[in-house]
Every structure is written in structure tokens, then in C-alpha cells.
Amino acid sequence: MGLRMLPCAVPIVLFAQLTDLVGLFMNREGTLAQLLYIWPALVILSATAALASTAVIAARSIAVLLARRTRVERG
């Protein structure tokens, strides 16, 4: 289950490191609020993707836990 969830974690990591990535490419440092002022679409898109990825990871984890629980109860 762990490696199959790895691509889902990419948007979360991207959003968490967004200011560092933009700083790396633009040779500047800033905050998320400053980045939101300059590129609101980038921040909103990244935040939405991170939220969706979090929901997918949570739903898949709950489904796996419920499947294991029913398998244990039946077995």
C-alpha cells in the first residue's frame, strides 16, 4: 500500500515546499502570503491538489483498514 500512495503525496509535498521552489527558480525568498499576492492561481491550484490528495489518501487508508477488519472478523 505504501508505494502505491507515493504519487498521491507529490502534490502535498509540492504545496509544502512551494515557497522554496519558487525561491529556487526566482532567486528570491518569500512567504506563502507574498506568493499568493503575486501568483494566486499557482497557490490555489497547489492547495486544491494537496487537499484532494489528502482526501484520496485518507479514503484509501480507511478502505484498506475496513477491508482488513472484515477479513479478520470472517477469518
N, C-alpha and C. Protein backbone atom coordinates (compact mmCIF):
# COMPACT_ATOMS: atom_id res chain seq x y z
N MET A 1 0.81 -1.19 0.00
CA MET A 1 0.00 0.00 0.00
C MET A 1 0.86 1.26 0.00
N GLY A 2 2.01 1.22 0.62
CA GLY A 2 2.84 2.40 0.77
C GLY A 2 3.34 2.98 -0.54
N LEU A 3 3.87 2.15 -1.41
CA LEU A 3 4.41 2.66 -2.67
C LEU A 3 3.32 3.09 -3.63
N ARG A 4 2.15 2.50 -3.51
CA ARG A 4 1.04 2.89 -4.38
C ARG A 4 0.49 4.26 -3.99
N MET A 5 0.73 4.70 -2.76
CA MET A 5 0.27 6.00 -2.30
C MET A 5 1.29 7.11 -2.57
N LEU A 6 2.50 6.74 -2.97
CA LEU A 6 3.55 7.73 -3.17
C LEU A 6 3.20 8.80 -4.19
N PRO A 7 2.64 8.47 -5.37
CA PRO A 7 2.27 9.55 -6.30
C PRO A 7 1.21 10.49 -5.75
N CYS A 8 0.39 10.01 -4.85
CA CYS A 8 -0.63 10.88 -4.25
C CYS A 8 -0.01 11.90 -3.29
N ALA A 9 1.16 11.61 -2.79
CA ALA A 9 1.81 12.52 -1.85
C ALA A 9 2.56 13.65 -2.55
N VAL A 10 2.78 13.56 -3.84
CA VAL A 10 3.55 14.58 -4.57
C VAL A 10 2.91 15.96 -4.47
N PRO A 11 1.60 16.14 -4.68
CA PRO A 11 1.02 17.49 -4.54
C PRO A 11 1.11 18.04 -3.13
N ILE A 12 1.08 17.18 -2.14
CA ILE A 12 1.19 17.64 -0.75
C ILE A 12 2.60 18.19 -0.50
N VAL A 13 3.60 17.46 -0.97
CA VAL A 13 4.99 17.91 -0.81
C VAL A 13 5.23 19.18 -1.62
N LEU A 14 4.66 19.24 -2.82
CA LEU A 14 4.81 20.43 -3.65
C LEU A 14 4.24 21.65 -2.96
N PHE A 15 3.06 21.53 -2.37
CA PHE A 15 2.46 22.67 -1.68
C PHE A 15 3.26 23.05 -0.44
N ALA A 16 3.77 22.06 0.28
CA ALA A 16 4.55 22.35 1.48
C ALA A 16 5.86 23.06 1.15
N GLN A 17 6.42 22.77 -0.01
CA GLN A 17 7.70 23.36 -0.41
C GLN A 17 7.56 24.41 -1.50
N LEU A 18 6.37 24.94 -1.70
CA LEU A 18 6.10 25.85 -2.81
C LEU A 18 6.95 27.12 -2.73
N THR A 19 7.07 27.71 -1.56
CA THR A 19 7.86 28.94 -1.45
C THR A 19 9.33 28.66 -1.72
N ASP A 20 9.84 27.53 -1.27
CA ASP A 20 11.24 27.19 -1.53
C ASP A 20 11.49 26.94 -3.01
N LEU A 21 10.55 26.27 -3.67
CA LEU A 21 10.71 26.00 -5.11
C LEU A 21 10.68 27.29 -5.93
N VAL A 22 9.76 28.18 -5.61
CA VAL A 22 9.69 29.45 -6.32
C VAL A 22 10.94 30.27 -6.02
N GLY A 23 11.40 30.23 -4.78
CA GLY A 23 12.62 30.94 -4.42
C GLY A 23 13.83 30.39 -5.15
N LEU A 24 13.85 29.10 -5.38
CA LEU A 24 14.95 28.49 -6.11
C LEU A 24 14.99 28.96 -7.56
N PHE A 25 13.83 29.01 -8.20
CA PHE A 25 13.77 29.42 -9.60
C PHE A 25 13.89 30.93 -9.79
N MET A 26 13.41 31.71 -8.83
CA MET A 26 13.40 33.17 -8.98
C MET A 26 14.56 33.85 -8.24
N ASN A 27 15.36 33.09 -7.51
CA ASN A 27 16.48 33.62 -6.73
C ASN A 27 16.01 34.65 -5.70
N ARG A 28 14.88 34.37 -5.06
CA ARG A 28 14.33 35.24 -4.03
C ARG A 28 13.72 34.39 -2.93
N GLU A 29 13.58 34.98 -1.78
CA GLU A 29 12.90 34.32 -0.68
C GLU A 29 11.60 35.05 -0.41
N GLY A 30 10.61 34.32 0.04
CA GLY A 30 9.33 34.93 0.33
C GLY A 30 8.46 34.01 1.16
N THR A 31 7.28 34.50 1.47
CA THR A 31 6.33 33.71 2.25
C THR A 31 5.20 33.26 1.34
N LEU A 32 4.37 32.40 1.88
CA LEU A 32 3.22 31.93 1.12
C LEU A 32 2.23 33.07 0.86
N ALA A 33 2.12 34.00 1.80
CA ALA A 33 1.23 35.15 1.60
C ALA A 33 1.73 36.03 0.46
N GLN A 34 3.04 36.22 0.37
CA GLN A 34 3.59 37.01 -0.73
C GLN A 34 3.38 36.29 -2.06
N LEU A 35 3.55 34.99 -2.05
CA LEU A 35 3.36 34.20 -3.26
C LEU A 35 1.89 34.23 -3.68
N LEU A 36 0.99 34.21 -2.71
CA LEU A 36 -0.44 34.30 -3.01
C LEU A 36 -0.78 35.65 -3.64
N TYR A 37 -0.10 36.69 -3.23
CA TYR A 37 -0.34 38.02 -3.80
C TYR A 37 0.16 38.10 -5.25
N ILE A 38 1.29 37.45 -5.53
CA ILE A 38 1.88 37.54 -6.86
C ILE A 38 1.24 36.54 -7.82
N TRP A 39 1.15 35.26 -7.41
CA TRP A 39 0.62 34.20 -8.27
C TRP A 39 -0.52 33.48 -7.55
N PRO A 40 -1.68 34.08 -7.47
CA PRO A 40 -2.77 33.44 -6.72
C PRO A 40 -3.22 32.12 -7.35
N ALA A 41 -3.19 32.02 -8.67
CA ALA A 41 -3.64 30.78 -9.32
C ALA A 41 -2.72 29.61 -8.96
N LEU A 42 -1.42 29.86 -8.89
CA LEU A 42 -0.47 28.80 -8.54
C LEU A 42 -0.70 28.29 -7.13
N VAL A 43 -0.92 29.21 -6.21
CA VAL A 43 -1.14 28.81 -4.81
C VAL A 43 -2.48 28.10 -4.66
N ILE A 44 -3.52 28.61 -5.30
CA ILE A 44 -4.84 27.99 -5.19
C ILE A 44 -4.84 26.60 -5.84
N LEU A 45 -4.22 26.48 -6.99
CA LEU A 45 -4.13 25.18 -7.65
C LEU A 45 -3.34 24.18 -6.81
N SER A 46 -2.23 24.61 -6.26
CA SER A 46 -1.41 23.72 -5.43
C SER A 46 -2.14 23.31 -4.16
N ALA A 47 -2.83 24.26 -3.54
CA ALA A 47 -3.58 23.95 -2.32
C ALA A 47 -4.74 23.00 -2.61
N THR A 48 -5.42 23.20 -3.72
CA THR A 48 -6.52 22.32 -4.10
C THR A 48 -6.02 20.91 -4.39
N ALA A 49 -4.91 20.81 -5.09
CA ALA A 49 -4.34 19.50 -5.39
C ALA A 49 -3.88 18.80 -4.12
N ALA A 50 -3.28 19.54 -3.20
CA ALA A 50 -2.85 18.95 -1.93
C ALA A 50 -4.05 18.48 -1.10
N LEU A 51 -5.12 19.26 -1.09
CA LEU A 51 -6.32 18.87 -0.36
C LEU A 51 -6.97 17.63 -0.98
N ALA A 52 -7.03 17.58 -2.30
CA ALA A 52 -7.59 16.41 -2.97
C ALA A 52 -6.74 15.17 -2.72
N SER A 53 -5.43 15.32 -2.75
CA SER A 53 -4.55 14.19 -2.48
C SER A 53 -4.70 13.69 -1.05
N THR A 54 -4.87 14.61 -0.12
CA THR A 54 -5.09 14.22 1.27
C THR A 54 -6.38 13.44 1.41
N ALA A 55 -7.43 13.88 0.71
CA ALA A 55 -8.71 13.16 0.76
C ALA A 55 -8.59 11.77 0.15
N VAL A 56 -7.86 11.65 -0.95
CA VAL A 56 -7.67 10.34 -1.59
C VAL A 56 -6.89 9.40 -0.68
N ILE A 57 -5.82 9.89 -0.08
CA ILE A 57 -5.02 9.06 0.81
C ILE A 57 -5.85 8.62 2.01
N ALA A 58 -6.63 9.53 2.57
CA ALA A 58 -7.47 9.18 3.72
C ALA A 58 -8.52 8.15 3.34
N ALA A 59 -9.18 8.33 2.20
CA ALA A 59 -10.22 7.40 1.77
C ALA A 59 -9.64 6.01 1.49
N ARG A 60 -8.50 5.96 0.83
CA ARG A 60 -7.88 4.67 0.54
C ARG A 60 -7.41 3.98 1.81
N SER A 61 -6.87 4.76 2.74
CA SER A 61 -6.42 4.17 4.01
C SER A 61 -7.59 3.60 4.80
N ILE A 62 -8.69 4.34 4.84
CA ILE A 62 -9.87 3.85 5.56
C ILE A 62 -10.42 2.60 4.88
N ALA A 63 -10.43 2.58 3.55
CA ALA A 63 -10.92 1.40 2.83
C ALA A 63 -10.06 0.18 3.12
N VAL A 64 -8.75 0.36 3.17
CA VAL A 64 -7.85 -0.76 3.47
C VAL A 64 -8.07 -1.25 4.90
N LEU A 65 -8.21 -0.32 5.84
CA LEU A 65 -8.43 -0.72 7.23
C LEU A 65 -9.75 -1.46 7.40
N LEU A 66 -10.80 -0.99 6.73
CA LEU A 66 -12.09 -1.67 6.82
C LEU A 66 -12.05 -3.04 6.16
N ALA A 67 -11.34 -3.16 5.06
CA ALA A 67 -11.21 -4.47 4.40
C ALA A 67 -10.46 -5.45 5.27
N ARG A 68 -9.42 -4.98 5.92
CA ARG A 68 -8.66 -5.87 6.82
C ARG A 68 -9.50 -6.28 8.02
N ARG A 69 -10.29 -5.34 8.53
CA ARG A 69 -11.12 -5.64 9.70
C ARG A 69 -12.17 -6.70 9.36
N THR A 70 -12.83 -6.56 8.20
CA THR A 70 -13.84 -7.55 7.82
C THR A 70 -13.19 -8.90 7.51
N ARG A 71 -11.98 -8.89 6.97
CA ARG A 71 -11.27 -10.14 6.69
C ARG A 71 -10.90 -10.84 7.99
N VAL A 72 -10.52 -10.08 9.00
CA VAL A 72 -10.17 -10.67 10.30
C VAL A 72 -11.40 -11.22 10.99
N GLU A 73 -12.52 -10.50 10.91
CA GLU A 73 -13.75 -10.95 11.55
C GLU A 73 -14.30 -12.21 10.89
N ARG A 74 -14.17 -12.34 9.59
CA ARG A 74 -14.66 -13.51 8.89
C ARG A 74 -13.74 -14.71 9.06
N GLY A 75 -12.43 -14.43 9.14
CA GLY A 75 -11.44 -15.50 9.16
C GLY A 75 -11.37 -16.19 10.44
